[in-house]
Each structure stands twice: as C-alpha cells, then as structure tokens.
N, C-alpha and C. Protein backbone atom coordinates (compact mmCIF):
# COMPACT_ATOMS: atom_id res chain seq x y z
N UNK A 1 17.76 13.30 2.46
CA UNK A 1 15.89 12.83 2.82
C UNK A 1 15.13 13.63 2.05
N UNK A 2 14.09 13.47 1.13
CA UNK A 2 13.06 13.91 0.84
C UNK A 2 12.18 14.44 1.78
N UNK A 3 11.16 15.06 1.94
CA UNK A 3 10.06 15.68 2.94
C UNK A 3 8.78 15.57 1.80
N UNK A 4 8.10 14.89 2.32
CA UNK A 4 6.87 13.99 1.87
C UNK A 4 5.63 14.33 2.36
N UNK A 5 4.72 14.86 1.72
CA UNK A 5 3.33 14.81 2.30
C UNK A 5 2.47 13.86 2.69
N UNK A 6 1.96 13.43 4.06
CA UNK A 6 1.73 12.05 4.40
C UNK A 6 0.33 12.30 4.60
N UNK A 7 -0.25 10.60 4.10
CA UNK A 7 -2.04 10.68 4.49
C UNK A 7 -1.86 9.45 4.94
N UNK A 8 -2.50 9.18 6.29
CA UNK A 8 -2.11 8.30 6.86
C UNK A 8 -3.68 7.43 6.82
N UNK A 9 -3.34 5.96 6.76
CA UNK A 9 -4.87 5.71 6.39
C UNK A 9 -4.64 4.30 7.44
N UNK A 10 -5.70 3.72 7.00
CA UNK A 10 -6.14 2.24 8.31
C UNK A 10 -5.54 0.78 7.36
N UNK A 11 -5.00 1.54 6.05
CA UNK A 11 -4.72 0.05 5.44
C UNK A 11 -3.08 0.31 4.76
N UNK A 12 -2.71 -0.81 4.10
CA UNK A 12 -1.70 -0.60 3.70
C UNK A 12 -1.06 -0.21 1.62
N UNK A 13 -0.46 0.29 1.75
CA UNK A 13 -0.08 0.75 -0.06
C UNK A 13 0.48 -0.01 -0.36
N UNK A 14 0.66 -0.70 -1.29
CA UNK A 14 1.67 -1.39 -1.58
C UNK A 14 2.44 -1.01 -3.20
N UNK A 15 3.20 -1.12 -3.82
CA UNK A 15 4.15 -0.51 -4.76
C UNK A 15 3.15 -0.83 -6.01
N UNK A 16 3.05 -0.10 -7.06
CA UNK A 16 1.89 -0.76 -8.37
C UNK A 16 0.42 -1.35 -7.96
N UNK A 17 0.01 -0.83 -6.70
CA UNK A 17 -1.21 -0.93 -6.14
C UNK A 17 -1.92 0.34 -6.62
N UNK A 18 -3.31 0.14 -6.63
CA UNK A 18 -3.88 1.50 -7.12
C UNK A 18 -4.70 1.62 -6.10
N UNK A 19 -5.17 2.75 -5.74
CA UNK A 19 -5.34 3.67 -4.52
C UNK A 19 -6.69 4.43 -4.79
N UNK A 20 -7.56 4.51 -4.63
CA UNK A 20 -8.98 5.60 -4.87
C UNK A 20 -8.88 5.94 -3.78
N UNK A 21 -9.38 7.26 -3.48
CA UNK A 21 -9.58 8.15 -2.10
C UNK A 21 -10.91 9.08 -2.54
N UNK A 22 -11.57 8.97 -1.47
CA UNK A 22 -12.67 10.45 -1.42
C UNK A 22 -12.25 11.51 -0.42
N UNK A 23 -11.62 12.54 -1.30
CA UNK A 23 -11.40 13.98 0.29
C UNK A 23 -12.54 14.62 0.05
N UNK A 24 -12.27 15.01 1.51
CA UNK A 24 -13.05 16.10 1.61
C UNK A 24 -12.52 16.82 3.07
N UNK A 25 -11.26 15.95 4.12
CA UNK A 25 -11.28 17.01 5.26
C UNK A 25 -10.67 18.09 4.53
N UNK A 26 -10.86 18.85 4.86
CA UNK A 26 -10.01 20.62 4.55
C UNK A 26 -8.50 20.41 4.56
N UNK A 27 -7.51 19.42 5.45
CA UNK A 27 -6.23 19.70 5.62
C UNK A 27 -5.84 18.73 4.20
N UNK A 28 -6.62 17.49 3.87
CA UNK A 28 -6.02 16.74 2.70
C UNK A 28 -6.84 17.58 1.67
N UNK A 29 -7.55 18.31 1.64
CA UNK A 29 -8.25 19.10 0.28
C UNK A 29 -6.93 20.13 -0.25
N UNK A 30 -6.57 20.65 1.00
CA UNK A 30 -5.03 21.47 0.64
C UNK A 30 -4.14 20.48 0.32
N UNK A 31 -3.67 19.46 0.51
CA UNK A 31 -2.60 18.83 0.39
C UNK A 31 -3.03 18.85 -1.53
N UNK A 32 -4.02 18.08 -1.60
CA UNK A 32 -4.34 17.96 -3.02
C UNK A 32 -4.18 19.11 -3.77
N UNK A 33 -4.53 20.08 -3.51
CA UNK A 33 -4.24 21.83 -4.12
C UNK A 33 -3.11 22.00 -4.47
N UNK A 34 -2.58 21.60 -3.44
CA UNK A 34 -0.74 21.95 -3.71
C UNK A 34 0.11 20.87 -4.17
N UNK A 35 -0.31 19.68 -4.28
CA UNK A 35 0.33 18.56 -5.56
C UNK A 35 0.00 18.98 -6.40
N UNK A 36 -1.16 19.11 -7.03
CA UNK A 36 -1.26 19.75 -8.42
C UNK A 36 -1.27 20.71 -8.87
N UNK A 37 -1.04 22.04 -7.67
CA UNK A 37 -0.53 23.32 -8.39
C UNK A 37 1.06 23.28 -8.68
N UNK A 38 2.08 21.95 -7.74
CA UNK A 38 3.21 22.20 -8.06
C UNK A 38 3.71 20.93 -9.30
N UNK A 39 2.57 20.63 -9.91
CA UNK A 39 2.79 18.78 -10.60
C UNK A 39 3.76 19.11 -11.96
N UNK A 40 3.68 20.59 -12.24
CA UNK A 40 4.95 21.09 -13.13
C UNK A 40 6.25 20.75 -13.17
N UNK A 41 6.49 20.76 -11.68
CA UNK A 41 7.82 20.89 -10.81
C UNK A 41 8.38 19.67 -10.95
N UNK A 42 7.59 18.96 -10.11
CA UNK A 42 7.75 17.54 -9.85
C UNK A 42 6.80 16.44 -9.52
N UNK A 43 6.75 15.31 -9.24
CA UNK A 43 5.53 14.08 -9.49
C UNK A 43 4.54 14.69 -8.33
N UNK A 44 3.31 14.58 -8.75
CA UNK A 44 2.27 14.69 -7.31
C UNK A 44 2.24 13.56 -6.44
N UNK A 45 3.12 13.38 -5.59
CA UNK A 45 3.47 12.23 -4.74
C UNK A 45 3.17 12.52 -3.25
N UNK A 46 2.40 11.78 -2.58
CA UNK A 46 2.13 11.77 -1.14
C UNK A 46 2.58 10.66 -0.34
N UNK A 47 2.83 10.87 0.86
CA UNK A 47 3.21 9.35 1.43
C UNK A 47 1.68 8.63 2.16
N UNK A 48 1.50 7.53 1.78
CA UNK A 48 0.49 6.38 2.40
C UNK A 48 1.32 5.69 3.92
N UNK A 49 0.68 5.77 4.48
CA UNK A 49 1.46 4.92 5.73
C UNK A 49 0.34 4.69 6.91
N UNK A 50 0.04 3.02 7.09
CA UNK A 50 -0.84 2.83 7.48
C UNK A 50 -0.33 3.18 9.16
N UNK A 51 -2.06 3.18 9.87
CA UNK A 51 -1.72 3.93 10.83
C UNK A 51 -2.26 2.64 12.11
N UNK A 52 -0.92 2.83 13.08
CA UNK A 52 -0.87 1.85 14.32
C UNK A 52 -1.72 1.80 14.73
N UNK A 53 -2.16 3.22 15.40
CA UNK A 53 -2.80 3.50 16.40
C UNK A 53 -3.40 4.88 16.47
N UNK A 54 -4.50 5.22 16.68
CA UNK A 54 -5.38 6.03 16.53
C UNK A 54 -6.41 6.25 14.73
N UNK A 55 -6.77 7.33 14.54
CA UNK A 55 -7.60 7.26 13.55
C UNK A 55 -7.41 8.48 12.51
N UNK A 56 -8.20 8.06 11.34
CA UNK A 56 -7.85 8.59 9.85
C UNK A 56 -8.47 9.96 10.09
N UNK A 57 -9.32 10.88 10.32
CA UNK A 57 -10.56 11.22 10.09
C UNK A 57 -10.43 11.92 11.74
N UNK A 58 -10.76 13.32 11.71
CA UNK A 58 -11.03 14.17 13.05
C UNK A 58 -10.06 14.41 14.34
N UNK A 59 -9.34 12.94 13.91
CA UNK A 59 -8.78 13.17 15.54
C UNK A 59 -7.31 13.73 15.50
N UNK A 60 -7.65 15.01 16.51
CA UNK A 60 -6.57 15.88 16.60
C UNK A 60 -5.30 15.70 17.19
N UNK A 61 -5.25 14.59 17.72
CA UNK A 61 -3.87 13.83 17.84
C UNK A 61 -3.56 12.99 16.84
N UNK A 62 -1.95 13.25 16.75
CA UNK A 62 -1.41 12.82 15.45
C UNK A 62 -1.41 11.02 16.07
N UNK A 63 -1.64 10.16 14.39
CA UNK A 63 -2.19 8.88 15.14
C UNK A 63 -0.19 8.39 14.99
N UNK A 64 0.00 7.31 15.61
CA UNK A 64 1.12 6.76 15.61
C UNK A 64 0.88 5.43 14.78
N UNK A 65 1.95 6.31 13.50
CA UNK A 65 2.19 5.19 12.59
C UNK A 65 3.22 4.45 12.30
N UNK A 66 3.28 3.27 11.51
CA UNK A 66 4.40 2.34 11.24
C UNK A 66 5.28 2.61 10.56
N UNK A 67 6.74 2.02 10.60
CA UNK A 67 7.73 2.95 10.00
C UNK A 67 8.03 3.14 8.64
N UNK A 68 7.23 2.06 7.54
CA UNK A 68 7.52 1.92 6.53
C UNK A 68 6.13 2.01 5.87
N UNK A 69 6.36 2.99 4.70
CA UNK A 69 5.55 3.41 3.96
C UNK A 69 5.78 3.24 2.79
N UNK A 70 4.30 3.65 1.89
CA UNK A 70 4.72 3.73 0.07
C UNK A 70 4.21 4.80 -0.42
N UNK A 71 5.19 5.67 -1.08
CA UNK A 71 4.28 6.72 -1.76
C UNK A 71 3.32 6.42 -2.48
N UNK A 72 2.53 7.22 -2.99
CA UNK A 72 1.04 7.31 -4.07
C UNK A 72 1.43 8.37 -5.18
N UNK A 73 1.39 8.12 -6.59
CA UNK A 73 1.62 9.13 -7.25
C UNK A 73 -0.10 9.53 -7.73
N UNK A 74 -0.34 10.59 -7.62
CA UNK A 74 -1.60 10.90 -8.16
C UNK A 74 -1.85 10.58 -10.01
N UNK A 75 -2.92 10.03 -10.50
CA UNK A 75 -3.05 9.71 -11.68
C UNK A 75 -4.05 10.74 -12.56
N UNK A 76 -5.03 10.63 -11.35
CA UNK A 76 -6.47 11.18 -12.46
C UNK A 76 -6.94 11.79 -10.60
N UNK A 77 -7.60 12.98 -10.63
CA UNK A 77 -8.40 14.00 -9.92
C UNK A 77 -9.55 14.41 -9.87
N UNK A 78 -10.75 14.00 -9.62
CA UNK A 78 -11.99 14.41 -10.03
C UNK A 78 -12.54 15.53 -9.15
N UNK A 79 -13.10 16.54 -9.40
CA UNK A 79 -13.90 17.66 -8.22
C UNK A 79 -15.32 17.26 -8.48
N UNK A 80 -15.68 16.64 -7.43
CA UNK A 80 -17.18 16.83 -6.99
C UNK A 80 -17.91 17.94 -6.86
N UNK A 81 -17.59 19.03 -6.88
CA UNK A 81 -17.92 20.06 -6.08
C UNK A 81 -18.13 19.75 -4.41
N UNK A 82 -18.51 21.19 -3.71
CA UNK A 82 -18.94 21.29 -2.39
C UNK A 82 -17.49 20.76 -2.24
N UNK A 83 -15.92 21.29 -2.43
CA UNK A 83 -14.43 20.49 -1.73
C UNK A 83 -14.88 19.34 -1.51
N UNK A 84 -15.55 18.52 -2.53
CA UNK A 84 -14.82 16.99 -2.27
C UNK A 84 -14.85 16.70 -3.56
N UNK A 85 -13.81 15.61 -3.54
CA UNK A 85 -12.80 15.01 -5.01
C UNK A 85 -12.93 13.46 -4.98
N UNK A 86 -12.33 13.29 -5.78
CA UNK A 86 -12.03 11.67 -5.84
C UNK A 86 -10.45 11.50 -7.01
N UNK A 87 -9.74 11.24 -6.03
CA UNK A 87 -8.48 10.79 -6.43
C UNK A 87 -8.15 9.34 -6.91
N UNK A 88 -7.49 9.14 -8.49
CA UNK A 88 -7.20 7.88 -8.47
C UNK A 88 -5.93 7.95 -8.51
N UNK A 89 -5.24 7.17 -7.44
CA UNK A 89 -3.02 7.24 -7.50
C UNK A 89 -3.00 5.26 -7.49
N UNK A 90 -1.58 5.60 -7.38
CA UNK A 90 -1.05 4.28 -7.33
C UNK A 90 -0.08 4.23 -6.66
N UNK A 91 0.63 3.29 -6.19
CA UNK A 91 1.90 3.13 -5.53
C UNK A 91 3.29 3.31 -6.34
N UNK A 92 4.07 4.04 -5.56
CA UNK A 92 5.43 3.66 -6.40
C UNK A 92 6.69 3.54 -5.65
N UNK A 93 6.82 3.58 -4.69
CA UNK A 93 8.24 3.83 -4.23
C UNK A 93 8.21 3.99 -2.35
N UNK A 94 8.57 2.52 -1.89
CA UNK A 94 8.51 2.56 -0.44
C UNK A 94 9.58 3.66 -0.15
N UNK A 95 9.00 3.69 1.64
CA UNK A 95 10.16 5.06 1.97
C UNK A 95 10.27 4.22 3.76
N UNK A 96 11.14 4.51 4.39
CA UNK A 96 11.02 4.48 5.92
C UNK A 96 11.04 6.04 6.31
N UNK A 97 10.11 5.86 7.47
CA UNK A 97 9.39 7.36 7.73
C UNK A 97 10.48 8.00 8.73
N UNK A 98 10.88 9.41 9.03
CA UNK A 98 11.74 9.92 9.40
C UNK A 98 11.14 10.95 10.17
N UNK A 99 11.67 11.99 10.80
CA UNK A 99 11.11 13.05 11.65
C UNK A 99 10.35 13.77 11.25
N UNK A 100 9.40 14.00 12.07
CA UNK A 100 8.01 15.03 11.00
C UNK A 100 8.33 15.91 10.97
N UNK A 101 8.26 16.87 10.04
CA UNK A 101 8.30 18.19 9.60
C UNK A 101 7.29 18.95 10.85
N UNK A 102 8.26 19.89 11.63
CA UNK A 102 7.30 20.42 12.97
C UNK A 102 7.40 22.17 12.52
N UNK A 103 6.74 22.48 11.63
CA UNK A 103 6.08 23.42 11.40
C UNK A 103 4.72 24.19 10.80
N UNK A 104 4.71 25.06 10.56
CA UNK A 104 2.84 25.51 10.33
C UNK A 104 2.85 26.20 9.42
N UNK A 105 3.80 25.18 8.15
CA UNK A 105 3.29 25.92 7.06
C UNK A 105 2.35 25.05 5.95
N UNK A 106 1.64 24.00 6.44
CA UNK A 106 0.76 23.54 6.00
C UNK A 106 -0.34 22.58 6.91
N UNK A 107 -1.43 22.89 6.58
CA UNK A 107 -2.61 22.08 7.85
C UNK A 107 -1.87 20.78 7.70
N UNK A 108 -1.57 20.20 6.94
CA UNK A 108 -1.46 18.61 6.66
C UNK A 108 0.06 18.05 7.16
N UNK A 109 0.11 17.16 7.53
CA UNK A 109 1.69 16.57 7.93
C UNK A 109 2.53 16.10 7.01
N UNK A 110 3.88 16.71 7.46
CA UNK A 110 4.79 16.35 6.19
C UNK A 110 5.90 15.81 7.02
N UNK A 111 6.93 15.10 6.51
CA UNK A 111 7.99 14.06 6.73
C UNK A 111 8.91 13.88 6.07
N UNK A 112 10.37 13.75 7.03
CA UNK A 112 11.36 13.17 6.55
C UNK A 112 11.29 11.95 6.08
N UNK A 113 11.30 11.22 4.46
CA UNK A 113 11.57 9.91 4.09
C UNK A 113 12.71 9.86 3.59
N UNK A 114 13.02 8.15 4.10
CA UNK A 114 14.86 7.77 3.27
C UNK A 114 13.82 6.78 2.66
N UNK A 115 14.07 6.83 0.88
CA UNK A 115 13.45 6.17 0.09
C UNK A 115 14.09 4.26 0.14
N UNK A 116 13.85 3.23 -0.11
CA UNK A 116 14.09 2.22 0.35
C UNK A 116 14.22 1.58 -1.06
N UNK A 117 15.59 0.59 -1.15
CA UNK A 117 15.76 -0.03 -2.41
C UNK A 117 15.03 -1.58 -2.42
N UNK A 118 15.15 -2.13 -3.63
CA UNK A 118 15.14 -3.14 -3.50
C UNK A 118 15.91 -4.41 -3.29
N UNK A 119 16.00 -5.63 -3.16
CA UNK A 119 17.68 -6.10 -2.67
C UNK A 119 17.31 -7.97 -3.00
N UNK A 120 18.86 -8.44 -2.72
CA UNK A 120 18.07 -10.14 -2.83
C UNK A 120 18.58 -10.43 -4.72
N UNK A 121 19.16 -11.97 -4.20
CA UNK A 121 19.21 -12.16 -5.18
C UNK A 121 18.56 -12.69 -6.49
N UNK A 122 18.68 -12.12 -7.37
CA UNK A 122 17.35 -12.06 -8.90
C UNK A 122 17.35 -13.54 -9.07
N UNK A 123 18.14 -14.24 -9.43
CA UNK A 123 17.75 -15.82 -9.48
C UNK A 123 16.64 -16.41 -8.71
N UNK A 124 17.25 -16.51 -7.63
CA UNK A 124 16.66 -16.75 -6.36
C UNK A 124 14.82 -16.37 -6.73
N UNK A 125 15.08 -14.78 -6.50
CA UNK A 125 13.83 -14.12 -6.57
C UNK A 125 12.60 -14.38 -7.53
N UNK A 126 13.76 -15.39 -8.83
CA UNK A 126 13.09 -15.47 -10.32
C UNK A 126 12.70 -17.05 -9.71
N UNK A 127 13.34 -17.67 -8.84
CA UNK A 127 12.27 -19.09 -8.74
C UNK A 127 11.20 -19.09 -7.54
N UNK A 128 10.98 -17.81 -6.99
CA UNK A 128 10.78 -18.36 -5.74
C UNK A 128 9.13 -17.58 -6.27
N UNK A 129 9.07 -16.27 -7.22
CA UNK A 129 7.84 -15.85 -7.86
C UNK A 129 6.94 -16.91 -8.74
N UNK A 130 8.24 -17.69 -9.41
CA UNK A 130 6.98 -19.05 -9.97
C UNK A 130 6.40 -19.90 -8.85
N UNK A 131 7.13 -20.30 -8.19
CA UNK A 131 6.18 -20.98 -6.90
C UNK A 131 5.19 -19.96 -6.59
N UNK A 132 5.21 -19.02 -6.02
CA UNK A 132 4.48 -18.36 -5.56
C UNK A 132 2.95 -18.35 -6.87
N UNK A 133 3.52 -18.07 -8.04
CA UNK A 133 2.54 -18.04 -8.85
C UNK A 133 1.59 -19.35 -8.92
N UNK A 134 2.58 -19.92 -8.55
CA UNK A 134 1.45 -21.68 -8.76
C UNK A 134 1.16 -21.97 -7.85
N UNK A 135 1.65 -21.51 -6.29
CA UNK A 135 0.47 -21.49 -5.00
C UNK A 135 -0.85 -21.00 -5.09
N UNK A 136 -0.98 -19.44 -5.10
CA UNK A 136 -1.83 -18.99 -5.47
C UNK A 136 -2.52 -19.33 -6.22
N UNK A 137 -2.41 -19.96 -7.78
CA UNK A 137 -3.26 -20.71 -8.28
C UNK A 137 -4.19 -21.66 -8.02
N UNK A 138 -3.53 -22.34 -6.95
CA UNK A 138 -3.88 -23.56 -6.83
C UNK A 138 -4.77 -23.54 -5.65
N UNK A 139 -4.32 -22.10 -4.64
CA UNK A 139 -5.41 -21.94 -3.52
C UNK A 139 -6.57 -21.35 -4.07
N UNK A 140 -6.37 -20.51 -5.08
CA UNK A 140 -7.73 -20.25 -5.64
C UNK A 140 -8.33 -20.66 -6.01
N UNK A 141 -8.17 -21.75 -6.72
CA UNK A 141 -9.04 -22.99 -7.45
C UNK A 141 -9.44 -23.81 -6.23
N UNK A 142 -8.58 -24.21 -5.50
CA UNK A 142 -9.21 -25.01 -4.42
C UNK A 142 -10.66 -24.13 -3.39
N UNK A 143 -10.64 -22.86 -3.47
CA UNK A 143 -11.54 -22.16 -2.61
C UNK A 143 -12.81 -21.49 -4.06
N UNK A 144 -12.77 -22.16 -5.79
CA UNK A 144 -13.84 -22.26 -6.54
C UNK A 144 -13.61 -20.53 -7.14
N UNK A 145 -12.46 -19.55 -7.00
CA UNK A 145 -12.25 -18.33 -7.32
C UNK A 145 -11.70 -18.60 -8.57
N UNK A 146 -11.89 -17.41 -9.49
CA UNK A 146 -11.75 -17.62 -10.81
C UNK A 146 -9.75 -17.17 -10.92
N UNK A 147 -9.01 -17.55 -11.68
CA UNK A 147 -7.74 -17.45 -11.86
C UNK A 147 -7.11 -16.44 -11.64
N UNK A 148 -6.02 -15.67 -11.46
CA UNK A 148 -5.72 -14.03 -11.42
C UNK A 148 -4.53 -13.88 -11.71
N UNK A 149 -4.84 -12.83 -12.93
CA UNK A 149 -3.26 -13.09 -13.88
C UNK A 149 -2.17 -12.31 -12.73
N UNK A 150 -1.41 -13.16 -13.20
CA UNK A 150 -0.25 -12.81 -12.32
C UNK A 150 1.30 -11.93 -13.16
N UNK A 151 1.89 -11.00 -12.28
CA UNK A 151 2.63 -9.70 -12.85
C UNK A 151 3.56 -10.68 -13.15
N UNK A 152 4.84 -9.64 -14.28
CA UNK A 152 5.51 -10.42 -15.26
C UNK A 152 6.57 -10.40 -14.75
N UNK A 153 6.98 -9.56 -13.44
CA UNK A 153 8.35 -9.36 -12.85
C UNK A 153 8.54 -10.15 -11.39
N UNK A 154 9.49 -10.30 -10.73
CA UNK A 154 9.78 -11.13 -9.46
C UNK A 154 8.92 -9.83 -8.39
N UNK A 155 10.32 -8.80 -8.70
CA UNK A 155 9.26 -7.60 -7.63
C UNK A 155 7.96 -7.46 -7.79
N UNK A 156 7.12 -7.41 -9.03
CA UNK A 156 5.96 -7.42 -8.59
C UNK A 156 5.63 -8.07 -8.01
N UNK A 157 5.87 -9.55 -8.38
CA UNK A 157 5.13 -10.55 -7.63
C UNK A 157 5.16 -10.34 -6.06
N UNK A 158 6.60 -9.76 -5.66
CA UNK A 158 6.44 -10.34 -4.56
C UNK A 158 5.80 -8.93 -3.53
N UNK A 159 5.04 -8.22 -4.47
CA UNK A 159 3.75 -7.39 -3.94
C UNK A 159 2.37 -7.91 -4.50
N UNK A 160 2.19 -8.78 -4.75
CA UNK A 160 0.83 -9.47 -5.65
C UNK A 160 -0.08 -9.81 -4.10
N UNK A 161 0.65 -10.61 -3.29
CA UNK A 161 -0.54 -11.19 -3.15
C UNK A 161 -1.96 -10.55 -2.08
N UNK A 162 -1.83 -9.04 -1.65
CA UNK A 162 -2.46 -8.40 -1.23
C UNK A 162 -4.12 -8.32 -2.02
N UNK A 163 -3.47 -8.09 -3.13
CA UNK A 163 -4.32 -7.98 -4.66
C UNK A 163 -5.46 -9.44 -5.00
N UNK A 164 -5.15 -10.72 -4.37
CA UNK A 164 -5.70 -11.35 -4.62
C UNK A 164 -5.86 -12.32 -3.76
N UNK A 165 -5.48 -12.26 -2.34
CA UNK A 165 -6.46 -13.12 -1.05
C UNK A 165 -6.46 -11.74 -0.18
N UNK A 166 -7.30 -11.83 0.68
CA UNK A 166 -7.77 -11.13 1.62
C UNK A 166 -6.60 -11.40 2.93
N UNK A 167 -6.00 -9.98 2.75
CA UNK A 167 -5.10 -10.61 4.27
C UNK A 167 -5.49 -8.90 5.26
N UNK A 168 -5.19 -9.68 6.46
CA UNK A 168 -4.91 -8.24 7.64
C UNK A 168 -3.85 -7.45 7.59
N UNK A 169 -4.28 -6.17 8.27
CA UNK A 169 -3.20 -5.20 7.80
C UNK A 169 -1.49 -5.57 8.64
N UNK A 170 -1.92 -6.75 9.45
CA UNK A 170 -0.31 -6.77 10.23
C UNK A 170 0.62 -7.70 8.58
N UNK A 171 0.00 -8.69 8.23
CA UNK A 171 0.18 -9.29 6.60
C UNK A 171 0.48 -8.59 5.82
N UNK A 172 0.25 -7.52 5.36
CA UNK A 172 0.41 -6.25 4.51
C UNK A 172 1.88 -5.69 4.84
N UNK A 173 1.59 -5.29 6.19
CA UNK A 173 2.97 -4.28 6.26
C UNK A 173 4.14 -4.73 6.54
N UNK A 174 3.47 -5.85 7.14
CA UNK A 174 5.02 -6.92 7.56
C UNK A 174 5.85 -7.49 5.67
N UNK A 175 4.67 -7.57 4.76
CA UNK A 175 5.12 -7.94 3.14
C UNK A 175 5.78 -6.35 2.84
N UNK A 176 5.31 -5.34 3.14
CA UNK A 176 5.90 -4.38 3.20
C UNK A 176 7.05 -3.61 3.20
N UNK A 177 7.00 -3.86 4.60
CA UNK A 177 8.74 -3.71 5.16
C UNK A 177 9.69 -4.63 5.01
N UNK A 178 9.18 -5.83 4.18
CA UNK A 178 10.66 -7.06 4.06
C UNK A 178 11.48 -6.44 3.26
N UNK A 179 13.15 -6.70 3.62
CA UNK A 179 13.79 -5.95 3.44
C UNK A 179 14.16 -6.10 1.49
N UNK A 180 14.01 -7.11 1.11
CA UNK A 180 14.31 -7.26 -0.19
C UNK A 180 13.16 -7.86 -1.21
N UNK A 181 13.11 -8.42 -2.26
CA UNK A 181 12.16 -8.70 -2.97
C UNK A 181 12.21 -10.57 -2.66
N UNK A 182 13.44 -11.05 -2.30
CA UNK A 182 14.05 -12.50 -2.08
C UNK A 182 13.05 -12.71 -0.87
N UNK A 183 13.19 -11.70 -0.10
CA UNK A 183 12.65 -11.83 1.15
C UNK A 183 10.52 -11.82 1.58
N UNK A 184 10.54 -10.88 0.43
CA UNK A 184 9.13 -10.72 0.57
C UNK A 184 8.75 -11.91 -0.18
N UNK A 185 9.04 -12.22 -1.07
CA UNK A 185 8.49 -13.65 -1.75
C UNK A 185 8.49 -14.79 -0.46
N UNK A 186 9.47 -15.08 -0.31
CA UNK A 186 9.56 -16.18 1.06
C UNK A 186 8.56 -15.80 1.90
N UNK A 187 8.09 -14.86 2.37
CA UNK A 187 6.88 -14.53 3.41
C UNK A 187 5.59 -14.77 2.61
N UNK A 188 5.45 -14.36 1.53
CA UNK A 188 4.40 -14.77 1.01
C UNK A 188 3.68 -15.92 0.68
N UNK A 189 5.02 -16.43 0.36
CA UNK A 189 4.81 -18.07 0.55
C UNK A 189 4.66 -18.61 1.57
N UNK A 190 4.71 -18.03 2.85
CA UNK A 190 4.57 -18.83 3.80
C UNK A 190 2.74 -18.52 4.28
N UNK A 191 2.68 -16.87 3.76
CA UNK A 191 1.35 -16.77 4.19
C UNK A 191 0.33 -17.59 3.44
N UNK A 192 0.60 -17.96 2.24
CA UNK A 192 -0.05 -18.63 1.31
C UNK A 192 0.02 -20.28 2.13
N UNK A 193 0.38 -20.77 2.39
CA UNK A 193 0.62 -22.05 2.73
C UNK A 193 0.18 -22.10 4.42
N UNK A 194 0.40 -20.69 4.90
CA UNK A 194 -0.65 -20.30 6.29
C UNK A 194 -2.52 -20.65 6.11
N UNK A 195 -2.64 -20.30 5.10
CA UNK A 195 -3.82 -19.62 4.72
C UNK A 195 -4.70 -20.91 4.11
N UNK A 196 -4.08 -22.40 3.58
CA UNK A 196 -4.10 -22.82 2.83
C UNK A 196 -4.46 -24.07 3.96
N UNK A 197 -3.52 -24.13 5.52
CA UNK A 197 -3.52 -25.02 6.30
C UNK A 197 -4.71 -24.52 7.10
N UNK A 198 -5.00 -23.15 7.36
CA UNK A 198 -6.69 -23.10 7.97
C UNK A 198 -7.19 -23.28 7.67
N UNK A 199 -7.74 -23.07 5.77
CA UNK A 199 -8.90 -23.69 5.01
C UNK A 199 -9.17 -24.91 5.57
N UNK A 200 -8.42 -25.64 5.33
CA UNK A 200 -8.33 -27.12 5.27
C UNK A 200 -8.75 -27.57 6.58
N UNK A 201 -8.04 -27.09 7.71
CA UNK A 201 -8.69 -27.24 8.62
C UNK A 201 -9.80 -26.40 9.51
N UNK A 202 -10.22 -25.94 9.15
CA UNK A 202 -11.79 -25.02 9.20
C UNK A 202 -12.51 -25.11 8.67
N UNK A 203 -12.32 -25.36 7.57
CA UNK A 203 -13.29 -25.94 6.44
C UNK A 203 -13.91 -24.35 5.98
N UNK A 204 -13.49 -23.14 6.32
CA UNK A 204 -13.27 -21.86 5.88
C UNK A 204 -13.28 -21.59 4.16
N UNK A 205 -13.82 -20.64 3.59
CA UNK A 205 -13.60 -20.28 2.61
C UNK A 205 -12.78 -18.55 2.81
N UNK A 206 -11.59 -18.55 1.49
CA UNK A 206 -11.47 -17.07 1.77
C UNK A 206 -11.99 -16.03 0.84
N UNK A 207 -12.05 -14.66 1.23
CA UNK A 207 -12.48 -13.91 0.70
C UNK A 207 -11.61 -12.89 -0.34
N UNK A 208 -12.12 -12.52 -1.89
CA UNK A 208 -11.50 -11.57 -2.32
C UNK A 208 -11.35 -10.31 -1.88
N UNK A 209 -9.97 -9.55 -1.90
CA UNK A 209 -9.26 -8.73 -1.46
C UNK A 209 -10.42 -7.46 -1.40
N UNK A 210 -10.59 -6.71 -0.48
CA UNK A 210 -11.23 -5.27 -0.35
C UNK A 210 -10.83 -4.31 -1.46
N UNK A 211 -12.01 -3.82 -2.17
CA UNK A 211 -11.49 -3.15 -3.55
C UNK A 211 -12.33 -1.86 -3.29
N UNK A 212 -12.71 -1.32 -2.12
CA UNK A 212 -13.65 -0.07 -2.15
C UNK A 212 -12.69 0.44 -1.92
N UNK A 213 -13.51 2.01 -1.92
CA UNK A 213 -12.75 3.42 -1.75
C UNK A 213 -12.71 3.98 -0.36
N UNK A 214 -11.44 4.44 -0.77
CA UNK A 214 -10.91 4.76 0.63
C UNK A 214 -11.68 6.21 1.62
N UNK A 215 -11.89 6.66 2.22
CA UNK A 215 -12.72 8.00 2.91
C UNK A 215 -11.41 8.41 3.22
N UNK A 216 -11.11 9.76 3.50
CA UNK A 216 -10.24 10.24 4.05
C UNK A 216 -10.73 10.62 5.14
C-alpha cells in the first residue's frame, strides 16, 4: 500500500475535477510545504476524503471519514503572505482508505491507501456514456441552462455529473465509490432520471454546481 497525506473535506473530489483550496491552518501549511519540497522525487499528491462525521478545521478529534477518496495533484500554489496560501489541484486517482499511520512524524494525518482501478465492459460503457450525455443535455435545456461540454471518454463521463448538476454529498460519494465505469454511468443515469422526476413533480429548478473555493 501507498502512504498518502490526507486532507479531509466536507465535499467529494472526483478524478479530473478541479479543487481550489485556501490553506492557513498550520498542519496543512506543513503538508503543503512537505509536498512542494519533495516534488522532484514524487508528484505532489495528497488524499481528499469526504468527512462522514466531524469538522474540517479546529476539531482535535479525528473526524470519521468515508472509505473511498481521491488523490489530488497540486498544479499551482500561491503564497498570499502571513502563512496563507491558495492551492489549485486536480483530482487524479481513486483510493480505498486503509490504516491511519499512527506516529508523530507529521502534524497532519497520513494513511495507507489502496489504489482503485476502473473496470466494466468498454462497449457497454461507451453506449451508457452517450445516453448520459443526451439525458444531461435534455435536462439542462428543461432548466433553461446553457449546454455543457461533455468529456470525450466513458471513464471521464462517469465522473462528470457533479460538474453539471447540483448533487449532495451522498450522491457524489456513491458515484466516486462505484465499482466500475459501467456501474457509475448507470448510477449517474438513475440520478438524472430522479432529478427530472423531482423537477417535474415539484416544479423546482436545479442549480448549477458550487464552484467556490474550499477553505481548510
């Protein structure tokens, strides 16, 4: 297993998705400093795991975390002064959380992780990706929203839904944890059908996804 520094958040990061963080808490400043100092030896990756129960900042107790997370690779880091940073990263690879590393070498949490591969039938996934593209376009038209440019691969399509629809943490986490590209695409189609049904029955209008900066 690989040991990865963890950054628990109240959101779910998908492979390929952008994540911008404001970093100011000392333990995460230390995490950023360590990653950048070692980037000539290995990519500056950290693990983003959604919090099941607890808080991101200031909680001395370790929060309860979901079992599946996603690594984030730092693309840019800007020093704002006074030990405050803005970090732009991108979701990279899913992992299953293993044992927490119990030592005092770092002020931030580290854990063993098992990298998760994609799977499923490629031909079926391609067909499902096409259906999802059509369903999302139709739903967004019904909301009066601008069309969204869809990814060009089935795998990337399977992670696309949170970028174009406002989804809760449970939906996002279940998509991330799906066992294969095919299973994730099927689940995404069910979510779109559900949202269309809710909109039709309640007369509500969907919202665009939240693209705000996440503080640590």
